[in-house]
C-alpha atoms as a PDB file:
ATOM      1  CA  MET A   1     -42.712 -43.459  38.398  1.00  0.00           C
ATOM      2  CA  HIS A   2     -39.549 -41.359  38.292  1.00  0.00           C
ATOM      3  CA  GLU A   3     -39.273 -41.940  34.538  1.00  0.00           C
ATOM      4  CA  LEU A   4     -41.937 -39.235  34.067  1.00  0.00           C
ATOM      5  CA  THR A   5     -39.815 -36.784  36.061  1.00  0.00           C
ATOM      6  CA  LEU A   6     -36.785 -37.675  33.943  1.00  0.00           C
ATOM      7  CA  CYS A   7     -38.797 -37.050  30.788  1.00  0.00           C
ATOM      8  CA  ASP A   8     -39.956 -33.673  32.076  1.00  0.00           C
ATOM      9  CA  SER A   9     -36.336 -32.700  32.742  1.00  0.00           C
ATOM     10  CA  LEU A  10     -35.252 -33.957  29.326  1.00  0.00           C
ATOM     11  CA  ILE A  11     -38.021 -31.981  27.622  1.00  0.00           C
ATOM     12  CA  GLU A  12     -36.996 -28.845  29.512  1.00  0.00           C
ATOM     13  CA  ILE A  13     -33.340 -29.241  28.490  1.00  0.00           C
ATOM     14  CA  LEU A  14     -34.291 -29.857  24.865  1.00  0.00           C
ATOM     15  CA  ALA A  15     -36.652 -26.861  24.866  1.00  0.00           C
ATOM     16  CA  GLN A  16     -33.746 -24.679  25.965  1.00  0.00           C
ATOM     17  CA  GLU A  17     -31.589 -26.112  23.161  1.00  0.00           C
ATOM     18  CA  ARG A  18     -34.423 -25.507  20.712  1.00  0.00           C
ATOM     19  CA  ALA A  19     -34.618 -21.841  21.743  1.00  0.00           C
ATOM     20  CA  THR A  20     -30.855 -21.455  21.406  1.00  0.00           C
ATOM     21  CA  ARG A  21     -30.337 -23.385  18.174  1.00  0.00           C
ATOM     22  CA  ARG A  22     -33.701 -22.597  16.580  1.00  0.00           C
ATOM     23  CA  PHE A  23     -34.762 -25.993  15.265  1.00  0.00           C
ATOM     24  CA  ALA A  24     -38.401 -26.868  14.645  1.00  0.00           C
ATOM     25  CA  SER A  25     -38.604 -30.415  15.944  1.00  0.00           C
ATOM     26  CA  VAL A  26     -36.654 -33.453  17.044  1.00  0.00           C
ATOM     27  CA  ARG A  27     -36.775 -36.570  14.898  1.00  0.00           C
ATOM     28  CA  ARG A  28     -34.576 -38.899  16.939  1.00  0.00           C
ATOM     29  CA  LEU A  29     -32.893 -39.021  20.343  1.00  0.00           C
ATOM     30  CA  ARG A  30     -30.244 -41.489  21.410  1.00  0.00           C
ATOM     31  CA  LEU A  31     -29.742 -41.934  25.150  1.00  0.00           C
ATOM     32  CA  GLU A  32     -27.219 -43.992  27.060  1.00  0.00           C
ATOM     33  CA  ILE A  33     -28.483 -45.380  30.352  1.00  0.00           C
ATOM     34  CA  GLY A  34     -26.041 -47.451  32.387  1.00  0.00           C
ATOM     35  CA  ARG A  35     -27.206 -50.835  33.611  1.00  0.00           C
ATOM     36  CA  PHE A  36     -26.664 -49.806  37.221  1.00  0.00           C
ATOM     37  CA  GLY A  37     -29.060 -46.876  36.815  1.00  0.00           C
ATOM     38  CA  CYS A  38     -32.420 -47.385  38.436  1.00  0.00           C
ATOM     39  CA  ILE A  39     -34.241 -46.615  35.211  1.00  0.00           C
ATOM     40  CA  ASP A  40     -36.501 -49.050  33.409  1.00  0.00           C
ATOM     41  CA  PRO A  41     -35.969 -48.458  29.658  1.00  0.00           C
ATOM     42  CA  GLU A  42     -39.481 -49.621  28.775  1.00  0.00           C
ATOM     43  CA  ALA A  43     -41.058 -47.327  31.377  1.00  0.00           C
ATOM     44  CA  LEU A  44     -38.880 -44.450  30.133  1.00  0.00           C
ATOM     45  CA  ALA A  45     -39.959 -45.065  26.524  1.00  0.00           C
ATOM     46  CA  TYR A  46     -43.616 -45.080  27.599  1.00  0.00           C
ATOM     47  CA  ALA A  47     -43.188 -41.931  29.692  1.00  0.00           C
ATOM     48  CA  PHE A  48     -41.413 -40.240  26.773  1.00  0.00           C
ATOM     49  CA  ASP A  49     -44.278 -41.112  24.425  1.00  0.00           C
ATOM     50  CA  VAL A  50     -46.893 -39.765  26.854  1.00  0.00           C
ATOM     51  CA  SER A  51     -44.919 -36.665  27.894  1.00  0.00           C
ATOM     52  CA  THR A  52     -44.063 -35.506  24.383  1.00  0.00           C
ATOM     53  CA  ARG A  53     -47.525 -35.644  22.816  1.00  0.00           C
ATOM     54  CA  GLY A  54     -48.391 -32.292  21.304  1.00  0.00           C
ATOM     55  CA  THR A  55     -44.858 -30.925  21.757  1.00  0.00           C
ATOM     56  CA  PHE A  56     -41.965 -30.347  19.361  1.00  0.00           C
ATOM     57  CA  LEU A  57     -40.822 -33.854  20.370  1.00  0.00           C
ATOM     58  CA  ASP A  58     -44.066 -35.562  19.334  1.00  0.00           C
ATOM     59  CA  GLY A  59     -43.238 -38.594  17.192  1.00  0.00           C
ATOM     60  CA  ALA A  60     -39.500 -38.493  17.910  1.00  0.00           C
ATOM     61  CA  LEU A  61     -37.816 -41.887  17.900  1.00  0.00           C
ATOM     62  CA  LEU A  62     -36.204 -42.668  21.254  1.00  0.00           C
ATOM     63  CA  GLU A  63     -33.227 -45.036  21.104  1.00  0.00           C
ATOM     64  CA  ILE A  64     -31.826 -46.311  24.397  1.00  0.00           C
ATOM     65  CA  GLU A  65     -28.416 -47.938  24.727  1.00  0.00           C
ATOM     66  CA  ARG A  66     -27.595 -49.949  27.867  1.00  0.00           C
ATOM     67  CA  PRO A  67     -23.830 -50.240  28.357  1.00  0.00           C
ATOM     68  CA  ALA A  68     -22.461 -52.627  30.958  1.00  0.00           C
ATOM     69  CA  GLY A  69     -21.547 -51.379  34.396  1.00  0.00           C
ATOM     70  CA  ARG A  70     -17.956 -50.847  35.475  1.00  0.00           C
ATOM     71  CA  ALA A  71     -16.316 -51.834  38.725  1.00  0.00           C
ATOM     72  CA  HIS A  72     -12.960 -52.091  40.447  1.00  0.00           C
ATOM     73  CA  CYS A  73     -12.152 -55.471  41.970  1.00  0.00           C
ATOM     74  CA  LEU A  74     -10.842 -55.112  45.506  1.00  0.00           C
ATOM     75  CA  ASP A  75      -9.373 -58.625  45.353  1.00  0.00           C
ATOM     76  CA  CYS A  76      -7.241 -58.502  42.187  1.00  0.00           C
ATOM     77  CA  GLY A  77      -7.227 -54.764  41.408  1.00  0.00           C
ATOM     78  CA  ALA A  78      -8.721 -55.165  37.922  1.00  0.00           C
ATOM     79  CA  ASP A  79     -11.084 -52.621  36.401  1.00  0.00           C
ATOM     80  CA  VAL A  80     -13.827 -54.707  34.799  1.00  0.00           C
ATOM     81  CA  GLU A  81     -17.197 -54.578  33.041  1.00  0.00           C
ATOM     82  CA  VAL A  82     -20.116 -56.386  34.702  1.00  0.00           C
ATOM     83  CA  GLU A  83     -23.764 -56.776  33.821  1.00  0.00           C
ATOM     84  CA  THR A  84     -25.162 -56.433  37.358  1.00  0.00           C
ATOM     85  CA  ARG A  85     -23.943 -55.186  40.716  1.00  0.00           C
ATOM     86  CA  LEU A  86     -24.018 -58.779  41.997  1.00  0.00           C
ATOM     87  CA  ASP A  87     -21.674 -60.239  39.368  1.00  0.00           C
ATOM     88  CA  ALA A  88     -18.330 -61.692  40.386  1.00  0.00           C
ATOM     89  CA  CYS A  89     -15.101 -60.292  38.962  1.00  0.00           C
ATOM     90  CA  PRO A  90     -14.603 -61.780  35.484  1.00  0.00           C
ATOM     91  CA  ALA A  91     -10.828 -61.631  35.994  1.00  0.00           C
ATOM     92  CA  CYS A  92     -10.465 -63.507  39.315  1.00  0.00           C
ATOM     93  CA  GLY A  93     -13.950 -64.567  40.458  1.00  0.00           C
ATOM     94  CA  GLY A  94     -13.762 -62.293  43.494  1.00  0.00           C
ATOM     95  CA  GLU A  95     -16.981 -60.845  44.841  1.00  0.00           C
ATOM     96  CA  ARG A  96     -15.654 -57.628  46.361  1.00  0.00           C
ATOM     97  CA  LEU A  97     -16.394 -55.164  43.564  1.00  0.00           C
ATOM     98  CA  SER A  98     -16.649 -51.416  43.945  1.00  0.00           C
ATOM     99  CA  PRO A  99     -18.834 -49.824  41.238  1.00  0.00           C
ATOM    100  CA  THR A 100     -17.039 -47.108  39.254  1.00  0.00           C
ATOM    101  CA  GLY A 101     -19.571 -46.426  36.518  1.00  0.00           C
ATOM    102  CA  GLY A 102     -22.767 -47.585  34.930  1.00  0.00           C
ATOM    103  CA  ASP A 103     -25.411 -45.423  36.582  1.00  0.00           C
ATOM    104  CA  GLU A 104     -25.138 -42.514  34.131  1.00  0.00           C
ATOM    105  CA  MET A 105     -27.820 -41.204  31.813  1.00  0.00           C
ATOM    106  CA  ARG A 106     -26.498 -39.239  28.854  1.00  0.00           C
ATOM    107  CA  LEU A 107     -27.966 -37.739  25.713  1.00  0.00           C
ATOM    108  CA  ILE A 108     -25.579 -38.996  23.053  1.00  0.00           C
ATOM    109  CA  GLU A 109     -27.159 -37.738  19.872  1.00  0.00           C
ATOM    110  CA  MET A 110     -30.207 -35.984  18.530  1.00  0.00           C
ATOM    111  CA  GLU A 111     -31.486 -35.476  15.014  1.00  0.00           C
ATOM    112  CA  VAL A 112     -33.440 -32.279  14.485  1.00  0.00           C
ATOM    113  CA  ALA A 113     -35.480 -30.722  11.690  1.00  0.00           C
END
């Protein structure tokens, strides 16, 4: 379950921010995870809950946004949004799409105390 490894990395990054910015705890985190990313949001939420128990993140609300993927159509040249890597181009119906985004994981916002 690589979601546990992601949570460990996230906790480490936030611990460094906590040392730098001197906040006591985190109340809320908002993450953006592209639909092409190989991350299960439910598994990540569970791993976050388990990994943060007894830490400065214990009880923090984890919000996960799932933006659509982006691709370039090799048939019509359009840059489009798609839900899955197997979708056809919404502009022309072509099936030769080259992914250009949607596998990112970003921390968008955090609320601290």
